Each structure stands twice: as structure tokens, then as C-alpha cells.
Amino acid sequence: MLSESYDGTWMALSDDILGLSDAGLYFTSFYFTIATITTVGFGDLSANNFIERAFGIIIMLFGVVSFSFATGSLSSIL
């Protein structure tokens, strides 16, 4: 859930953001960057721990690569 001190940033979308190390903050930043670049968005439910974020990154990148491959194949056929 959103923290009570929501300031409109991505840092308020994660429950465990205050207890993370610098590496954890960078990984969380990377997760939200990938979610933005792949146009998946943050959604109503977002990843709350390292394993969920890592799985989300892998799935998002796999989806982009698959969609790009399918679009390229269809373009070459046409």
C-alpha cells in the first residue's frame, strides 16, 4: 500500500523502500525504469521485494523482445 507520506514519486509505491541499501535502491530504480521503458507501467499492483522485481524485469524484457521479433517477422512477410 502507499505510505502515509506519499510525495508523488516512485519511492512511495514500494513498501520496503526505506529499509533498502544503496544497491537495493539502484535495483528498485532499475525495475521502475524497465517498467516505464517497456510501457508496462506501475499498475495497481507492483513488485515489493527483490525476487518479484527481478522476475518482473525478466518478463518485461522477454515480452518486448518477443513482440519485436513478431513485428519484425510480420513486416518481412508483408
N, C-alpha and C. Protein backbone atom coordinates (compact mmCIF):
# COMPACT_ATOMS: atom_id res chain seq x y z
N MET A 1 0.84 -1.17 0.00
CA MET A 1 0.00 0.00 0.00
C MET A 1 0.88 1.24 0.00
N LEU A 2 0.28 2.33 -0.30
CA LEU A 2 1.03 3.57 -0.33
C LEU A 2 1.36 4.03 1.08
N SER A 3 2.55 4.55 1.24
CA SER A 3 2.91 5.05 2.56
C SER A 3 2.10 6.31 2.86
N GLU A 4 2.02 6.63 4.14
CA GLU A 4 1.22 7.78 4.54
C GLU A 4 1.84 9.09 4.09
N SER A 5 3.14 9.11 3.87
CA SER A 5 3.81 10.33 3.43
C SER A 5 4.04 10.29 1.93
N TYR A 6 2.99 9.99 1.18
CA TYR A 6 3.12 9.89 -0.29
C TYR A 6 3.48 11.24 -0.86
N ASP A 7 4.58 11.27 -1.60
CA ASP A 7 5.04 12.52 -2.18
C ASP A 7 4.96 12.53 -3.70
N GLY A 8 4.30 11.54 -4.29
CA GLY A 8 4.11 11.52 -5.74
C GLY A 8 5.25 10.89 -6.51
N THR A 9 6.20 10.29 -5.83
CA THR A 9 7.34 9.68 -6.52
C THR A 9 7.22 8.17 -6.50
N TRP A 10 8.04 7.50 -7.29
CA TRP A 10 8.04 6.05 -7.35
C TRP A 10 8.45 5.43 -6.04
N MET A 11 9.19 6.17 -5.21
CA MET A 11 9.67 5.62 -3.96
C MET A 11 8.52 5.32 -3.00
N ALA A 12 7.39 5.97 -3.16
CA ALA A 12 6.25 5.72 -2.28
C ALA A 12 5.44 4.50 -2.73
N LEU A 13 5.74 3.96 -3.91
CA LEU A 13 4.99 2.82 -4.41
C LEU A 13 5.48 1.49 -3.86
N SER A 14 6.55 1.50 -3.14
CA SER A 14 7.12 0.27 -2.61
C SER A 14 7.09 0.31 -1.08
N ASP A 15 6.63 -0.77 -0.46
CA ASP A 15 6.50 -0.82 0.99
C ASP A 15 7.85 -0.85 1.71
N ASP A 16 8.83 -1.49 1.13
CA ASP A 16 10.10 -1.69 1.84
C ASP A 16 11.19 -0.73 1.39
N ILE A 17 10.85 0.39 0.81
CA ILE A 17 11.85 1.28 0.22
C ILE A 17 12.74 1.94 1.28
N LEU A 18 12.23 2.16 2.47
CA LEU A 18 13.00 2.87 3.48
C LEU A 18 14.12 2.02 4.06
N GLY A 19 13.98 0.69 4.04
CA GLY A 19 14.99 -0.17 4.62
C GLY A 19 16.01 -0.70 3.64
N LEU A 20 16.02 -0.22 2.41
CA LEU A 20 16.92 -0.76 1.40
C LEU A 20 18.30 -0.13 1.46
N SER A 21 19.29 -0.92 1.06
CA SER A 21 20.65 -0.40 0.93
C SER A 21 20.75 0.39 -0.36
N ASP A 22 21.91 0.95 -0.61
CA ASP A 22 22.12 1.69 -1.86
C ASP A 22 21.92 0.78 -3.07
N ALA A 23 22.44 -0.45 -2.99
CA ALA A 23 22.28 -1.40 -4.11
C ALA A 23 20.81 -1.72 -4.31
N GLY A 24 20.07 -1.88 -3.24
CA GLY A 24 18.64 -2.15 -3.33
C GLY A 24 17.88 -1.00 -3.96
N LEU A 25 18.27 0.23 -3.61
CA LEU A 25 17.63 1.40 -4.21
C LEU A 25 17.92 1.47 -5.71
N TYR A 26 19.16 1.17 -6.09
CA TYR A 26 19.50 1.17 -7.52
C TYR A 26 18.73 0.09 -8.27
N PHE A 27 18.59 -1.09 -7.67
CA PHE A 27 17.84 -2.17 -8.32
C PHE A 27 16.37 -1.80 -8.44
N THR A 28 15.81 -1.19 -7.41
CA THR A 28 14.42 -0.74 -7.47
C THR A 28 14.25 0.34 -8.53
N SER A 29 15.21 1.24 -8.63
CA SER A 29 15.18 2.26 -9.68
C SER A 29 15.23 1.62 -11.06
N PHE A 30 16.07 0.59 -11.20
CA PHE A 30 16.18 -0.12 -12.47
C PHE A 30 14.86 -0.79 -12.82
N TYR A 31 14.19 -1.39 -11.82
CA TYR A 31 12.88 -2.02 -12.05
C TYR A 31 11.88 -1.01 -12.58
N PHE A 32 11.78 0.14 -11.92
CA PHE A 32 10.82 1.15 -12.36
C PHE A 32 11.21 1.75 -13.71
N THR A 33 12.50 1.81 -14.02
CA THR A 33 12.94 2.28 -15.33
C THR A 33 12.51 1.30 -16.42
N ILE A 34 12.71 0.01 -16.19
CA ILE A 34 12.29 -1.00 -17.16
C ILE A 34 10.78 -0.99 -17.32
N ALA A 35 10.04 -0.84 -16.21
CA ALA A 35 8.57 -0.80 -16.29
C ALA A 35 8.11 0.40 -17.11
N THR A 36 8.82 1.50 -17.02
CA THR A 36 8.46 2.69 -17.78
C THR A 36 8.84 2.55 -19.25
N ILE A 37 10.05 2.09 -19.53
CA ILE A 37 10.53 1.97 -20.91
C ILE A 37 9.71 0.95 -21.69
N THR A 38 9.33 -0.16 -21.04
CA THR A 38 8.55 -1.18 -21.75
C THR A 38 7.08 -0.82 -21.83
N THR A 39 6.70 0.32 -21.32
CA THR A 39 5.33 0.86 -21.30
C THR A 39 4.36 -0.06 -20.57
N VAL A 40 4.86 -0.88 -19.66
CA VAL A 40 4.00 -1.71 -18.83
C VAL A 40 3.33 -0.84 -17.78
N GLY A 41 4.07 0.09 -17.24
CA GLY A 41 3.53 0.97 -16.21
C GLY A 41 3.59 0.33 -14.84
N PHE A 42 3.22 1.08 -13.83
CA PHE A 42 3.33 0.60 -12.46
C PHE A 42 2.10 -0.19 -12.05
N GLY A 43 0.94 0.12 -12.61
CA GLY A 43 -0.27 -0.65 -12.33
C GLY A 43 -0.76 -0.53 -10.91
N ASP A 44 -1.81 -1.24 -10.62
CA ASP A 44 -2.37 -1.23 -9.27
C ASP A 44 -1.53 -2.07 -8.33
N LEU A 45 -0.91 -3.10 -8.84
CA LEU A 45 -0.04 -3.96 -8.04
C LEU A 45 1.37 -3.85 -8.58
N SER A 46 2.30 -3.61 -7.71
CA SER A 46 3.69 -3.55 -8.16
C SER A 46 4.53 -4.48 -7.29
N ALA A 47 5.72 -4.78 -7.77
CA ALA A 47 6.62 -5.68 -7.06
C ALA A 47 7.09 -5.05 -5.76
N ASN A 48 7.15 -5.86 -4.70
CA ASN A 48 7.51 -5.32 -3.40
C ASN A 48 8.81 -5.87 -2.83
N ASN A 49 9.43 -6.85 -3.49
CA ASN A 49 10.70 -7.36 -2.98
C ASN A 49 11.61 -7.69 -4.16
N PHE A 50 12.83 -8.09 -3.84
CA PHE A 50 13.85 -8.32 -4.86
C PHE A 50 13.44 -9.39 -5.87
N ILE A 51 12.91 -10.50 -5.39
CA ILE A 51 12.55 -11.60 -6.28
C ILE A 51 11.44 -11.19 -7.25
N GLU A 52 10.44 -10.49 -6.74
CA GLU A 52 9.35 -10.03 -7.61
C GLU A 52 9.85 -9.04 -8.65
N ARG A 53 10.74 -8.15 -8.24
CA ARG A 53 11.28 -7.16 -9.19
C ARG A 53 12.14 -7.84 -10.25
N ALA A 54 12.98 -8.79 -9.84
CA ALA A 54 13.84 -9.50 -10.80
C ALA A 54 12.98 -10.27 -11.79
N PHE A 55 11.97 -10.98 -11.30
CA PHE A 55 11.07 -11.72 -12.18
C PHE A 55 10.34 -10.76 -13.12
N GLY A 56 9.89 -9.63 -12.60
CA GLY A 56 9.20 -8.64 -13.43
C GLY A 56 10.09 -8.10 -14.54
N ILE A 57 11.34 -7.81 -14.21
CA ILE A 57 12.28 -7.31 -15.22
C ILE A 57 12.47 -8.33 -16.32
N ILE A 58 12.67 -9.59 -15.93
CA ILE A 58 12.88 -10.65 -16.93
C ILE A 58 11.66 -10.79 -17.83
N ILE A 59 10.47 -10.83 -17.24
CA ILE A 59 9.24 -10.99 -18.02
C ILE A 59 9.00 -9.79 -18.93
N MET A 60 9.24 -8.59 -18.44
CA MET A 60 9.03 -7.39 -19.27
C MET A 60 9.99 -7.38 -20.46
N LEU A 61 11.26 -7.69 -20.21
CA LEU A 61 12.22 -7.70 -21.32
C LEU A 61 11.92 -8.83 -22.30
N PHE A 62 11.51 -9.99 -21.80
CA PHE A 62 11.11 -11.08 -22.68
C PHE A 62 9.92 -10.67 -23.54
N GLY A 63 8.96 -9.98 -22.96
CA GLY A 63 7.80 -9.51 -23.71
C GLY A 63 8.17 -8.53 -24.81
N VAL A 64 9.06 -7.62 -24.52
CA VAL A 64 9.49 -6.64 -25.53
C VAL A 64 10.22 -7.33 -26.67
N VAL A 65 11.12 -8.25 -26.32
CA VAL A 65 11.87 -8.96 -27.36
C VAL A 65 10.93 -9.81 -28.21
N SER A 66 9.99 -10.50 -27.58
CA SER A 66 9.03 -11.33 -28.32
C SER A 66 8.16 -10.49 -29.24
N PHE A 67 7.67 -9.38 -28.73
CA PHE A 67 6.84 -8.50 -29.55
C PHE A 67 7.63 -7.92 -30.71
N SER A 68 8.88 -7.54 -30.46
CA SER A 68 9.73 -7.01 -31.53
C SER A 68 10.00 -8.06 -32.60
N PHE A 69 10.27 -9.29 -32.17
CA PHE A 69 10.51 -10.38 -33.12
C PHE A 69 9.26 -10.65 -33.96
N ALA A 70 8.10 -10.70 -33.32
CA ALA A 70 6.85 -10.96 -34.04
C ALA A 70 6.55 -9.83 -35.03
N THR A 71 6.76 -8.61 -34.62
CA THR A 71 6.51 -7.47 -35.50
C THR A 71 7.48 -7.48 -36.67
N GLY A 72 8.74 -7.78 -36.42
CA GLY A 72 9.73 -7.85 -37.49
C GLY A 72 9.43 -8.96 -38.48
N SER A 73 9.02 -10.11 -37.96
CA SER A 73 8.67 -11.24 -38.84
C SER A 73 7.48 -10.91 -39.71
N LEU A 74 6.46 -10.31 -39.11
CA LEU A 74 5.28 -9.93 -39.87
C LEU A 74 5.63 -8.88 -40.93
N SER A 75 6.49 -7.95 -40.60
CA SER A 75 6.91 -6.93 -41.56
C SER A 75 7.65 -7.54 -42.74
N SER A 76 8.51 -8.51 -42.47
CA SER A 76 9.26 -9.13 -43.57
C SER A 76 8.35 -9.98 -44.47
N ILE A 77 7.30 -10.56 -43.88
CA ILE A 77 6.36 -11.35 -44.67
C ILE A 77 5.56 -10.43 -45.60
N LEU A 78 5.12 -9.30 -45.06
CA LEU A 78 4.33 -8.37 -45.87
C LEU A 78 5.21 -7.65 -46.87
